[in-house]
């Protein structure tokens, strides 16, 4: 866990590629500003782009674009919670249902707790619900519910418990051994069916 001040820091690492992600990040920034918290953004976003998207509030900190190995270290050292936004926009629905956020592999490797904010039909929310105890899940676009989730994550015991569980489940799903097992099972299935 992070350790140099008492400011709640929630980090997002990735590309901000839809209006739904922008809205979720703005909502998170607003909720954090009310409790003196900050939003830490890692990825290819410039200060100008952030300003255009309303992500230029004083509590938004830019971590830049970093390598995957450096990202895990920086997240562990600088964040309390990792944010997984999924778009609530109807135009993004099919993508939210089908696409699984690859950032979950890196996120779970940190051992930090996750805050997943997305509609109940999105893949990240479904994954979290299928694996209880890995995340604080807010499955309705509602600033009050998002703020309530952040308040629950202010409890260090809650964060540690969720972080340990996310790490454990992440290893089961995303480790090299898990990928290799999936690949070998697929080959075995093809060999058995003759496809």
N, C-alpha and C. Protein backbone atom coordinates (compact mmCIF):
# COMPACT_ATOMS: atom_id res chain seq x y z
N UNK A 1 0.84 -1.18 0.00
CA UNK A 1 0.00 0.00 0.00
C UNK A 1 0.88 1.24 0.00
N UNK A 2 0.33 2.28 -0.52
CA UNK A 2 1.00 3.55 -0.60
C UNK A 2 1.33 4.03 0.79
N UNK A 3 2.24 4.73 0.97
CA UNK A 3 2.71 5.19 2.27
C UNK A 3 3.42 6.41 2.59
N UNK A 4 3.01 7.51 2.08
CA UNK A 4 3.68 8.73 2.47
C UNK A 4 2.72 9.82 2.86
N UNK A 5 1.45 9.71 2.64
CA UNK A 5 0.51 10.72 3.13
C UNK A 5 -0.86 10.08 3.29
N UNK A 6 -1.79 10.86 3.79
CA UNK A 6 -3.11 10.30 4.08
C UNK A 6 -4.13 10.61 2.99
N UNK A 7 -3.70 11.19 1.89
CA UNK A 7 -4.62 11.53 0.81
C UNK A 7 -5.05 10.28 0.06
N UNK A 8 -6.36 10.09 -0.08
CA UNK A 8 -6.88 8.94 -0.85
C UNK A 8 -6.54 9.18 -2.32
N UNK A 9 -5.82 8.25 -2.91
CA UNK A 9 -5.43 8.34 -4.32
C UNK A 9 -6.00 7.15 -5.07
N UNK A 10 -6.78 7.44 -6.10
CA UNK A 10 -7.31 6.40 -6.97
C UNK A 10 -6.69 6.61 -8.35
N UNK A 11 -6.12 5.54 -8.89
CA UNK A 11 -5.39 5.64 -10.15
C UNK A 11 -6.17 4.97 -11.28
N UNK A 12 -5.99 5.54 -12.48
CA UNK A 12 -6.47 4.93 -13.72
C UNK A 12 -5.27 4.84 -14.64
N UNK A 13 -5.07 3.68 -15.25
CA UNK A 13 -3.98 3.49 -16.19
C UNK A 13 -4.57 2.98 -17.49
N UNK A 14 -4.36 3.72 -18.56
CA UNK A 14 -4.85 3.27 -19.86
C UNK A 14 -5.20 4.42 -20.77
N UNK A 15 -5.82 4.06 -21.86
CA UNK A 15 -6.24 5.03 -22.86
C UNK A 15 -7.69 5.43 -22.58
N UNK A 16 -7.94 6.71 -22.68
CA UNK A 16 -9.29 7.23 -22.49
C UNK A 16 -9.89 7.35 -23.89
N UNK A 17 -10.65 6.32 -24.29
CA UNK A 17 -11.04 6.24 -25.70
C UNK A 17 -12.54 6.37 -25.96
N UNK A 18 -13.30 6.85 -24.98
CA UNK A 18 -14.72 7.07 -25.25
C UNK A 18 -15.25 8.14 -24.32
N UNK A 19 -16.35 8.75 -24.73
CA UNK A 19 -16.98 9.76 -23.87
C UNK A 19 -17.42 9.15 -22.55
N UNK A 20 -17.81 7.89 -22.58
CA UNK A 20 -18.21 7.21 -21.34
C UNK A 20 -17.08 7.13 -20.34
N UNK A 21 -15.85 6.88 -20.81
CA UNK A 21 -14.69 6.84 -19.91
C UNK A 21 -14.41 8.23 -19.35
N UNK A 22 -14.53 9.24 -20.22
CA UNK A 22 -14.31 10.62 -19.78
C UNK A 22 -15.31 10.98 -18.68
N UNK A 23 -16.57 10.65 -18.90
CA UNK A 23 -17.61 10.96 -17.90
C UNK A 23 -17.31 10.24 -16.58
N UNK A 24 -16.91 8.99 -16.65
CA UNK A 24 -16.61 8.23 -15.43
C UNK A 24 -15.42 8.84 -14.68
N UNK A 25 -14.38 9.23 -15.41
CA UNK A 25 -13.20 9.83 -14.78
C UNK A 25 -13.53 11.20 -14.19
N UNK A 26 -14.35 11.98 -14.88
CA UNK A 26 -14.77 13.28 -14.33
C UNK A 26 -15.57 13.08 -13.04
N UNK A 27 -16.48 12.11 -13.07
CA UNK A 27 -17.27 11.81 -11.88
C UNK A 27 -16.39 11.38 -10.71
N UNK A 28 -15.40 10.55 -11.01
CA UNK A 28 -14.47 10.11 -9.97
C UNK A 28 -13.69 11.29 -9.41
N UNK A 29 -13.19 12.15 -10.28
CA UNK A 29 -12.44 13.33 -9.85
C UNK A 29 -13.30 14.21 -8.94
N UNK A 30 -14.55 14.42 -9.32
CA UNK A 30 -15.45 15.25 -8.52
C UNK A 30 -15.69 14.63 -7.15
N UNK A 31 -15.95 13.33 -7.11
CA UNK A 31 -16.16 12.66 -5.83
C UNK A 31 -14.92 12.72 -4.94
N UNK A 32 -13.75 12.52 -5.55
CA UNK A 32 -12.52 12.57 -4.77
C UNK A 32 -12.23 13.98 -4.25
N UNK A 33 -12.55 15.00 -5.04
CA UNK A 33 -12.27 16.37 -4.59
C UNK A 33 -13.05 16.70 -3.32
N UNK A 34 -14.21 16.11 -3.16
CA UNK A 34 -15.05 16.39 -1.98
C UNK A 34 -14.46 15.83 -0.70
N UNK A 35 -13.56 14.84 -0.81
CA UNK A 35 -12.94 14.26 0.38
C UNK A 35 -11.43 14.55 0.44
N UNK A 36 -10.98 15.46 -0.41
CA UNK A 36 -9.56 15.79 -0.43
C UNK A 36 -8.70 14.74 -1.11
N UNK A 37 -9.34 13.89 -1.93
CA UNK A 37 -8.60 12.83 -2.63
C UNK A 37 -8.13 13.27 -3.99
N UNK A 38 -7.36 12.41 -4.62
CA UNK A 38 -6.85 12.76 -5.94
C UNK A 38 -6.98 11.60 -6.91
N UNK A 39 -7.02 11.96 -8.18
CA UNK A 39 -7.07 11.01 -9.29
C UNK A 39 -5.72 11.04 -9.98
N UNK A 40 -5.09 9.89 -10.07
CA UNK A 40 -3.79 9.75 -10.71
C UNK A 40 -3.99 9.06 -12.05
N UNK A 41 -3.62 9.73 -13.14
CA UNK A 41 -3.82 9.20 -14.49
C UNK A 41 -2.48 8.77 -15.09
N UNK A 42 -2.41 7.52 -15.53
CA UNK A 42 -1.26 7.03 -16.28
C UNK A 42 -1.74 6.71 -17.69
N UNK A 43 -0.99 7.13 -18.67
CA UNK A 43 -1.34 6.81 -20.04
C UNK A 43 -1.03 7.95 -20.98
N UNK A 44 -1.43 7.77 -22.23
CA UNK A 44 -1.10 8.76 -23.27
C UNK A 44 -2.09 9.91 -23.33
N UNK A 45 -2.21 10.65 -22.24
CA UNK A 45 -3.10 11.81 -22.24
C UNK A 45 -2.26 13.05 -21.94
N UNK A 46 -2.42 14.04 -22.81
CA UNK A 46 -1.69 15.28 -22.61
C UNK A 46 -2.52 16.21 -21.72
N UNK A 47 -1.87 17.22 -21.19
CA UNK A 47 -2.58 18.20 -20.35
C UNK A 47 -3.64 18.92 -21.17
N UNK A 48 -3.36 19.19 -22.45
CA UNK A 48 -4.36 19.86 -23.30
C UNK A 48 -5.59 18.98 -23.53
N UNK A 49 -5.34 17.71 -23.80
CA UNK A 49 -6.45 16.77 -24.00
C UNK A 49 -7.26 16.63 -22.71
N UNK A 50 -6.56 16.57 -21.60
CA UNK A 50 -7.25 16.49 -20.31
C UNK A 50 -8.12 17.72 -20.08
N UNK A 51 -7.60 18.87 -20.42
CA UNK A 51 -8.36 20.12 -20.25
C UNK A 51 -9.61 20.11 -21.12
N UNK A 52 -9.47 19.68 -22.38
CA UNK A 52 -10.63 19.60 -23.29
C UNK A 52 -11.70 18.66 -22.74
N UNK A 53 -11.27 17.63 -22.01
CA UNK A 53 -12.21 16.65 -21.47
C UNK A 53 -12.65 16.93 -20.04
N UNK A 54 -12.28 18.09 -19.53
CA UNK A 54 -12.69 18.45 -18.17
C UNK A 54 -11.95 17.70 -17.08
N UNK A 55 -10.76 17.23 -17.41
CA UNK A 55 -9.95 16.48 -16.44
C UNK A 55 -8.74 17.29 -15.99
N UNK A 56 -8.94 18.58 -15.82
CA UNK A 56 -7.84 19.46 -15.44
C UNK A 56 -8.05 20.08 -14.06
N UNK A 57 -8.80 19.39 -13.22
CA UNK A 57 -9.03 19.87 -11.87
C UNK A 57 -7.74 19.75 -11.04
N UNK A 58 -7.64 20.54 -9.98
CA UNK A 58 -6.41 20.51 -9.17
C UNK A 58 -6.09 19.14 -8.56
N UNK A 59 -7.09 18.29 -8.39
CA UNK A 59 -6.84 16.99 -7.77
C UNK A 59 -6.50 15.90 -8.80
N UNK A 60 -6.34 16.28 -10.06
CA UNK A 60 -5.95 15.31 -11.10
C UNK A 60 -4.44 15.42 -11.32
N UNK A 61 -3.75 14.30 -11.16
CA UNK A 61 -2.30 14.24 -11.28
C UNK A 61 -1.96 13.35 -12.47
N UNK A 62 -0.99 13.77 -13.27
CA UNK A 62 -0.60 13.01 -14.46
C UNK A 62 0.67 12.22 -14.19
N UNK A 63 0.58 10.91 -14.37
CA UNK A 63 1.73 10.04 -14.14
C UNK A 63 2.50 9.74 -15.41
N UNK A 64 1.92 10.08 -16.57
CA UNK A 64 2.59 9.84 -17.83
C UNK A 64 2.40 8.42 -18.35
N UNK A 65 3.12 8.14 -19.42
CA UNK A 65 3.09 6.82 -20.06
C UNK A 65 4.32 6.07 -19.57
N UNK A 66 4.11 4.93 -18.93
CA UNK A 66 5.22 4.17 -18.35
C UNK A 66 5.15 2.72 -18.82
N UNK A 67 6.27 2.02 -18.73
CA UNK A 67 6.32 0.61 -19.13
C UNK A 67 5.46 -0.22 -18.18
N UNK A 68 4.99 -1.40 -18.63
CA UNK A 68 4.15 -2.24 -17.76
C UNK A 68 4.81 -2.59 -16.43
N UNK A 69 6.10 -2.91 -16.43
CA UNK A 69 6.75 -3.26 -15.16
C UNK A 69 6.87 -2.04 -14.25
N UNK A 70 7.18 -0.89 -14.83
CA UNK A 70 7.24 0.34 -14.02
C UNK A 70 5.85 0.74 -13.54
N UNK A 71 4.84 0.48 -14.35
CA UNK A 71 3.48 0.84 -13.97
C UNK A 71 3.07 0.10 -12.70
N UNK A 72 3.33 -1.18 -12.62
CA UNK A 72 2.94 -1.95 -11.44
C UNK A 72 3.61 -1.38 -10.19
N UNK A 73 4.88 -1.06 -10.29
CA UNK A 73 5.61 -0.50 -9.15
C UNK A 73 5.04 0.87 -8.79
N UNK A 74 4.80 1.70 -9.78
CA UNK A 74 4.27 3.05 -9.50
C UNK A 74 2.88 2.98 -8.90
N UNK A 75 2.04 2.08 -9.41
CA UNK A 75 0.70 1.95 -8.83
C UNK A 75 0.79 1.52 -7.37
N UNK A 76 1.62 0.54 -7.08
CA UNK A 76 1.79 0.08 -5.68
C UNK A 76 2.25 1.20 -4.77
N UNK A 77 3.16 2.03 -5.28
CA UNK A 77 3.76 3.08 -4.46
C UNK A 77 2.91 4.34 -4.35
N UNK A 78 2.06 4.59 -5.34
CA UNK A 78 1.40 5.89 -5.40
C UNK A 78 -0.12 5.84 -5.27
N UNK A 79 -0.73 4.66 -5.34
CA UNK A 79 -2.19 4.58 -5.33
C UNK A 79 -2.70 3.74 -4.16
N UNK A 80 -3.92 4.04 -3.78
CA UNK A 80 -4.62 3.24 -2.77
C UNK A 80 -5.60 2.28 -3.43
N UNK A 81 -6.16 2.70 -4.56
CA UNK A 81 -7.22 1.98 -5.25
C UNK A 81 -7.01 2.16 -6.75
N UNK A 82 -7.41 1.15 -7.54
CA UNK A 82 -7.30 1.24 -9.00
C UNK A 82 -8.70 1.28 -9.60
N UNK A 83 -8.90 2.20 -10.54
CA UNK A 83 -10.21 2.47 -11.12
C UNK A 83 -10.38 1.76 -12.45
N UNK A 84 -11.48 1.03 -12.58
CA UNK A 84 -11.84 0.35 -13.83
C UNK A 84 -13.15 0.96 -14.32
N UNK A 85 -13.08 2.01 -15.15
CA UNK A 85 -14.31 2.59 -15.67
C UNK A 85 -14.78 1.84 -16.90
N UNK A 86 -16.07 1.66 -16.99
CA UNK A 86 -16.69 1.09 -18.18
C UNK A 86 -17.78 2.07 -18.59
N UNK A 87 -18.00 2.23 -19.86
CA UNK A 87 -18.93 3.25 -20.34
C UNK A 87 -20.39 2.86 -20.10
N UNK A 88 -21.15 3.84 -19.64
CA UNK A 88 -22.60 3.68 -19.49
C UNK A 88 -23.34 4.14 -20.75
N UNK A 89 -22.62 4.72 -21.73
CA UNK A 89 -23.26 5.24 -22.95
C UNK A 89 -23.86 4.08 -23.74
N UNK A 90 -25.08 4.26 -24.17
CA UNK A 90 -25.77 3.21 -24.92
C UNK A 90 -25.02 2.87 -26.21
N UNK A 91 -24.40 3.87 -26.83
CA UNK A 91 -23.66 3.62 -28.07
C UNK A 91 -22.45 2.71 -27.86
N UNK A 92 -21.98 2.58 -26.63
CA UNK A 92 -20.83 1.72 -26.31
C UNK A 92 -21.24 0.35 -25.78
N UNK A 93 -22.54 0.09 -25.70
CA UNK A 93 -23.02 -1.11 -25.01
C UNK A 93 -22.40 -2.40 -25.56
N UNK A 94 -22.41 -2.60 -26.87
CA UNK A 94 -21.89 -3.88 -27.39
C UNK A 94 -20.41 -4.04 -27.05
N UNK A 95 -19.65 -2.96 -27.10
CA UNK A 95 -18.24 -3.03 -26.75
C UNK A 95 -18.07 -3.36 -25.26
N UNK A 96 -18.90 -2.78 -24.42
CA UNK A 96 -18.81 -3.04 -22.97
C UNK A 96 -19.20 -4.48 -22.63
N UNK A 97 -20.12 -5.04 -23.41
CA UNK A 97 -20.53 -6.43 -23.17
C UNK A 97 -19.46 -7.41 -23.62
N UNK A 98 -18.79 -7.11 -24.73
CA UNK A 98 -17.87 -8.08 -25.34
C UNK A 98 -16.41 -7.88 -24.94
N UNK A 99 -15.97 -6.65 -24.81
CA UNK A 99 -14.55 -6.39 -24.56
C UNK A 99 -14.24 -6.53 -23.07
N UNK A 100 -13.18 -7.26 -22.78
CA UNK A 100 -12.75 -7.42 -21.39
C UNK A 100 -11.54 -6.52 -21.18
N UNK A 101 -11.56 -5.68 -20.15
CA UNK A 101 -10.45 -4.73 -19.96
C UNK A 101 -9.13 -5.44 -19.65
N UNK A 102 -8.19 -5.33 -20.58
CA UNK A 102 -6.89 -5.99 -20.40
C UNK A 102 -6.14 -5.43 -19.21
N UNK A 103 -6.48 -4.21 -18.79
CA UNK A 103 -5.80 -3.61 -17.65
C UNK A 103 -6.00 -4.42 -16.38
N UNK A 104 -7.01 -5.28 -16.34
CA UNK A 104 -7.24 -6.08 -15.13
C UNK A 104 -6.07 -7.03 -14.83
N UNK A 105 -5.37 -7.46 -15.85
CA UNK A 105 -4.19 -8.32 -15.62
C UNK A 105 -3.13 -7.54 -14.85
N UNK A 106 -2.82 -6.33 -15.29
CA UNK A 106 -1.85 -5.49 -14.57
C UNK A 106 -2.38 -5.06 -13.22
N UNK A 107 -3.63 -4.64 -13.20
CA UNK A 107 -4.23 -4.15 -11.96
C UNK A 107 -4.19 -5.21 -10.86
N UNK A 108 -4.62 -6.43 -11.18
CA UNK A 108 -4.66 -7.46 -10.14
C UNK A 108 -3.26 -7.86 -9.68
N UNK A 109 -2.26 -7.70 -10.54
CA UNK A 109 -0.88 -8.04 -10.17
C UNK A 109 -0.32 -7.10 -9.10
N UNK A 110 -0.95 -5.95 -8.90
CA UNK A 110 -0.46 -5.00 -7.90
C UNK A 110 -0.85 -5.39 -6.48
N UNK A 111 -1.93 -6.16 -6.33
CA UNK A 111 -2.43 -6.46 -4.99
C UNK A 111 -3.23 -5.32 -4.39
N UNK A 112 -3.58 -4.34 -5.22
CA UNK A 112 -4.39 -3.21 -4.76
C UNK A 112 -5.87 -3.49 -5.03
N UNK A 113 -6.74 -2.85 -4.26
CA UNK A 113 -8.18 -3.05 -4.49
C UNK A 113 -8.64 -2.34 -5.76
N UNK A 114 -9.73 -2.85 -6.32
CA UNK A 114 -10.30 -2.31 -7.54
C UNK A 114 -11.62 -1.62 -7.25
N UNK A 115 -11.87 -0.53 -7.96
CA UNK A 115 -13.17 0.12 -7.98
C UNK A 115 -13.66 0.01 -9.41
N UNK A 116 -14.68 -0.83 -9.62
CA UNK A 116 -15.22 -1.03 -10.97
C UNK A 116 -16.51 -0.24 -11.07
N UNK A 117 -16.56 0.64 -12.07
CA UNK A 117 -17.71 1.53 -12.27
C UNK A 117 -18.22 1.31 -13.69
N UNK A 118 -19.34 0.60 -13.80
CA UNK A 118 -19.87 0.31 -15.13
C UNK A 118 -21.25 -0.31 -15.03
N UNK A 119 -21.93 -0.41 -16.16
CA UNK A 119 -23.28 -0.98 -16.17
C UNK A 119 -23.27 -2.47 -15.85
N UNK A 120 -24.38 -2.99 -15.34
CA UNK A 120 -24.41 -4.40 -14.92
C UNK A 120 -24.13 -5.38 -16.05
N UNK A 121 -24.32 -4.98 -17.30
CA UNK A 121 -24.10 -5.89 -18.42
C UNK A 121 -22.65 -5.91 -18.91
N UNK A 122 -21.80 -5.02 -18.40
CA UNK A 122 -20.43 -4.97 -18.93
C UNK A 122 -19.59 -6.12 -18.40
N UNK A 123 -18.57 -6.48 -19.15
CA UNK A 123 -17.75 -7.65 -18.83
C UNK A 123 -17.02 -7.51 -17.50
N UNK A 124 -16.53 -6.33 -17.17
CA UNK A 124 -15.79 -6.15 -15.91
C UNK A 124 -16.70 -6.34 -14.70
N UNK A 125 -17.90 -5.80 -14.75
CA UNK A 125 -18.85 -5.96 -13.64
C UNK A 125 -19.25 -7.43 -13.52
N UNK A 126 -19.53 -8.07 -14.65
CA UNK A 126 -19.91 -9.49 -14.60
C UNK A 126 -18.78 -10.33 -14.02
N UNK A 127 -17.54 -10.05 -14.41
CA UNK A 127 -16.39 -10.78 -13.89
C UNK A 127 -16.27 -10.58 -12.38
N UNK A 128 -16.44 -9.35 -11.93
CA UNK A 128 -16.35 -9.08 -10.49
C UNK A 128 -17.45 -9.79 -9.72
N UNK A 129 -18.65 -9.80 -10.27
CA UNK A 129 -19.75 -10.47 -9.58
C UNK A 129 -19.57 -12.00 -9.58
N UNK A 130 -18.92 -12.52 -10.62
CA UNK A 130 -18.63 -13.96 -10.67
C UNK A 130 -17.49 -14.35 -9.73
N UNK A 131 -16.74 -13.36 -9.27
CA UNK A 131 -15.59 -13.59 -8.38
C UNK A 131 -15.73 -12.66 -7.17
N UNK A 132 -16.65 -12.97 -6.29
CA UNK A 132 -16.95 -12.06 -5.17
C UNK A 132 -15.72 -11.69 -4.36
N UNK A 133 -15.75 -10.46 -3.87
CA UNK A 133 -14.69 -9.98 -2.98
C UNK A 133 -13.46 -9.44 -3.66
N UNK A 134 -13.50 -9.26 -5.00
CA UNK A 134 -12.31 -8.74 -5.69
C UNK A 134 -12.36 -7.24 -5.91
N UNK A 135 -13.54 -6.63 -5.74
CA UNK A 135 -13.67 -5.22 -6.08
C UNK A 135 -14.86 -4.59 -5.39
N UNK A 136 -14.78 -3.28 -5.27
CA UNK A 136 -15.96 -2.49 -4.95
C UNK A 136 -16.61 -2.22 -6.30
N UNK A 137 -17.85 -2.65 -6.47
CA UNK A 137 -18.53 -2.53 -7.75
C UNK A 137 -19.67 -1.53 -7.64
N UNK A 138 -19.67 -0.56 -8.56
CA UNK A 138 -20.77 0.40 -8.66
C UNK A 138 -21.35 0.20 -10.05
N UNK A 139 -22.52 -0.43 -10.12
CA UNK A 139 -23.10 -0.84 -11.41
C UNK A 139 -24.26 0.04 -11.84
N UNK A 140 -24.27 1.28 -11.37
CA UNK A 140 -25.29 2.24 -11.79
C UNK A 140 -24.61 3.60 -11.91
N UNK A 141 -24.92 4.31 -12.98
CA UNK A 141 -24.32 5.63 -13.19
C UNK A 141 -24.97 6.62 -12.24
N UNK A 142 -24.36 6.78 -11.10
CA UNK A 142 -24.93 7.61 -10.04
C UNK A 142 -23.80 8.14 -9.18
N UNK A 143 -23.59 9.47 -9.17
CA UNK A 143 -22.50 10.05 -8.38
C UNK A 143 -22.60 9.73 -6.88
N UNK A 144 -23.82 9.60 -6.37
CA UNK A 144 -23.99 9.28 -4.95
C UNK A 144 -23.47 7.87 -4.66
N UNK A 145 -23.79 6.91 -5.54
CA UNK A 145 -23.32 5.54 -5.35
C UNK A 145 -21.81 5.45 -5.53
N UNK A 146 -21.27 6.22 -6.48
CA UNK A 146 -19.82 6.23 -6.67
C UNK A 146 -19.14 6.78 -5.42
N UNK A 147 -19.66 7.87 -4.86
CA UNK A 147 -19.08 8.45 -3.64
C UNK A 147 -19.19 7.46 -2.48
N UNK A 148 -20.28 6.73 -2.39
CA UNK A 148 -20.46 5.73 -1.34
C UNK A 148 -19.40 4.62 -1.48
N UNK A 149 -19.15 4.19 -2.71
CA UNK A 149 -18.11 3.18 -2.94
C UNK A 149 -16.74 3.68 -2.54
N UNK A 150 -16.45 4.93 -2.84
CA UNK A 150 -15.16 5.52 -2.46
C UNK A 150 -15.04 5.58 -0.93
N UNK A 151 -16.12 5.95 -0.26
CA UNK A 151 -16.09 6.00 1.21
C UNK A 151 -15.82 4.62 1.80
N UNK A 152 -16.42 3.57 1.22
CA UNK A 152 -16.14 2.21 1.71
C UNK A 152 -14.65 1.87 1.54
N UNK A 153 -14.08 2.33 0.44
CA UNK A 153 -12.68 2.05 0.17
C UNK A 153 -11.73 2.91 1.00
N UNK A 154 -12.25 3.88 1.71
CA UNK A 154 -11.42 4.68 2.61
C UNK A 154 -10.97 3.84 3.81
N UNK A 155 -11.65 2.74 4.06
CA UNK A 155 -11.32 1.86 5.16
C UNK A 155 -10.14 0.97 4.74
N UNK A 156 -9.04 1.07 5.47
CA UNK A 156 -7.83 0.33 5.09
C UNK A 156 -8.04 -1.19 5.13
N UNK A 157 -8.78 -1.68 6.09
CA UNK A 157 -9.03 -3.12 6.18
C UNK A 157 -9.78 -3.61 4.94
N UNK A 158 -10.76 -2.83 4.51
CA UNK A 158 -11.51 -3.17 3.29
C UNK A 158 -10.57 -3.21 2.09
N UNK A 159 -9.70 -2.20 1.98
CA UNK A 159 -8.77 -2.15 0.85
C UNK A 159 -7.83 -3.36 0.85
N UNK A 160 -7.30 -3.70 2.00
CA UNK A 160 -6.36 -4.83 2.09
C UNK A 160 -7.07 -6.13 1.71
N UNK A 161 -8.27 -6.33 2.23
CA UNK A 161 -9.02 -7.55 1.94
C UNK A 161 -9.32 -7.66 0.45
N UNK A 162 -9.83 -6.58 -0.15
CA UNK A 162 -10.13 -6.60 -1.59
C UNK A 162 -8.86 -6.77 -2.42
N UNK A 163 -7.79 -6.11 -2.02
CA UNK A 163 -6.53 -6.21 -2.77
C UNK A 163 -5.97 -7.63 -2.77
N UNK A 164 -6.00 -8.29 -1.61
CA UNK A 164 -5.52 -9.68 -1.53
C UNK A 164 -6.36 -10.60 -2.41
N UNK A 165 -7.66 -10.42 -2.35
CA UNK A 165 -8.56 -11.28 -3.14
C UNK A 165 -8.36 -11.02 -4.63
N UNK A 166 -8.23 -9.75 -5.03
CA UNK A 166 -8.01 -9.42 -6.44
C UNK A 166 -6.70 -10.04 -6.94
N UNK A 167 -5.66 -9.99 -6.11
CA UNK A 167 -4.37 -10.58 -6.48
C UNK A 167 -4.51 -12.08 -6.69
N UNK A 168 -5.19 -12.73 -5.75
CA UNK A 168 -5.38 -14.18 -5.81
C UNK A 168 -6.17 -14.59 -7.07
N UNK A 169 -7.26 -13.90 -7.33
CA UNK A 169 -8.09 -14.23 -8.50
C UNK A 169 -7.35 -13.86 -9.79
N UNK A 170 -6.63 -12.74 -9.77
CA UNK A 170 -5.85 -12.34 -10.94
C UNK A 170 -4.81 -13.38 -11.32
N UNK A 171 -4.14 -13.95 -10.32
CA UNK A 171 -3.16 -15.01 -10.61
C UNK A 171 -3.84 -16.21 -11.24
N UNK A 172 -5.02 -16.53 -10.73
CA UNK A 172 -5.74 -17.69 -11.27
C UNK A 172 -6.14 -17.46 -12.73
N UNK A 173 -6.51 -16.25 -13.08
CA UNK A 173 -6.98 -15.96 -14.44
C UNK A 173 -5.88 -15.52 -15.40
N UNK A 174 -4.89 -14.74 -14.91
CA UNK A 174 -4.00 -14.03 -15.83
C UNK A 174 -2.54 -14.45 -15.77
N UNK A 175 -2.18 -15.38 -14.93
CA UNK A 175 -0.77 -15.76 -14.84
C UNK A 175 -0.33 -16.49 -16.11
N UNK A 176 0.98 -16.62 -16.28
CA UNK A 176 1.52 -17.35 -17.42
C UNK A 176 1.01 -18.79 -17.41
N UNK A 177 0.99 -19.41 -16.23
CA UNK A 177 0.51 -20.79 -16.13
C UNK A 177 -0.96 -20.91 -16.55
N UNK A 178 -1.77 -19.93 -16.15
CA UNK A 178 -3.19 -19.96 -16.52
C UNK A 178 -3.35 -19.83 -18.03
N UNK A 179 -2.56 -18.93 -18.63
CA UNK A 179 -2.64 -18.76 -20.08
C UNK A 179 -2.20 -20.03 -20.80
N UNK A 180 -1.16 -20.64 -20.29
CA UNK A 180 -0.66 -21.87 -20.91
C UNK A 180 -1.69 -23.00 -20.80
N UNK A 181 -2.34 -23.13 -19.63
CA UNK A 181 -3.38 -24.15 -19.47
C UNK A 181 -4.52 -23.92 -20.45
N UNK A 182 -4.94 -22.67 -20.60
CA UNK A 182 -6.03 -22.35 -21.53
C UNK A 182 -5.64 -22.71 -22.95
N UNK A 183 -4.41 -22.38 -23.33
CA UNK A 183 -3.91 -22.69 -24.67
C UNK A 183 -3.88 -24.20 -24.89
N UNK A 184 -3.36 -24.94 -23.93
CA UNK A 184 -3.28 -26.40 -24.08
C UNK A 184 -4.66 -27.04 -24.11
N UNK A 185 -5.58 -26.53 -23.30
CA UNK A 185 -6.96 -27.04 -23.34
C UNK A 185 -7.61 -26.79 -24.69
N UNK A 186 -7.33 -25.63 -25.28
CA UNK A 186 -7.89 -25.32 -26.61
C UNK A 186 -7.31 -26.28 -27.66
N UNK A 187 -6.01 -26.53 -27.59
CA UNK A 187 -5.39 -27.47 -28.54
C UNK A 187 -5.97 -28.87 -28.36
N UNK A 188 -6.14 -29.28 -27.11
CA UNK A 188 -6.71 -30.60 -26.83
C UNK A 188 -8.14 -30.70 -27.39
N UNK A 189 -8.91 -29.64 -27.22
CA UNK A 189 -10.28 -29.63 -27.71
C UNK A 189 -10.32 -29.73 -29.24
N UNK A 190 -9.43 -29.00 -29.91
CA UNK A 190 -9.36 -29.05 -31.36
C UNK A 190 -8.95 -30.46 -31.81
N UNK A 191 -7.99 -31.04 -31.12
CA UNK A 191 -7.53 -32.38 -31.50
C UNK A 191 -8.64 -33.42 -31.33
N UNK A 192 -9.45 -33.26 -30.26
CA UNK A 192 -10.52 -34.22 -29.99
C UNK A 192 -11.68 -34.08 -30.98
N UNK A 193 -11.95 -32.86 -31.42
CA UNK A 193 -13.07 -32.66 -32.34
C UNK A 193 -12.65 -32.75 -33.81
N UNK A 194 -11.33 -32.64 -34.05
CA UNK A 194 -10.85 -32.72 -35.42
C UNK A 194 -11.01 -31.44 -36.19
N UNK A 195 -11.33 -30.35 -35.53
CA UNK A 195 -11.48 -29.03 -36.23
C UNK A 195 -10.16 -28.38 -36.48
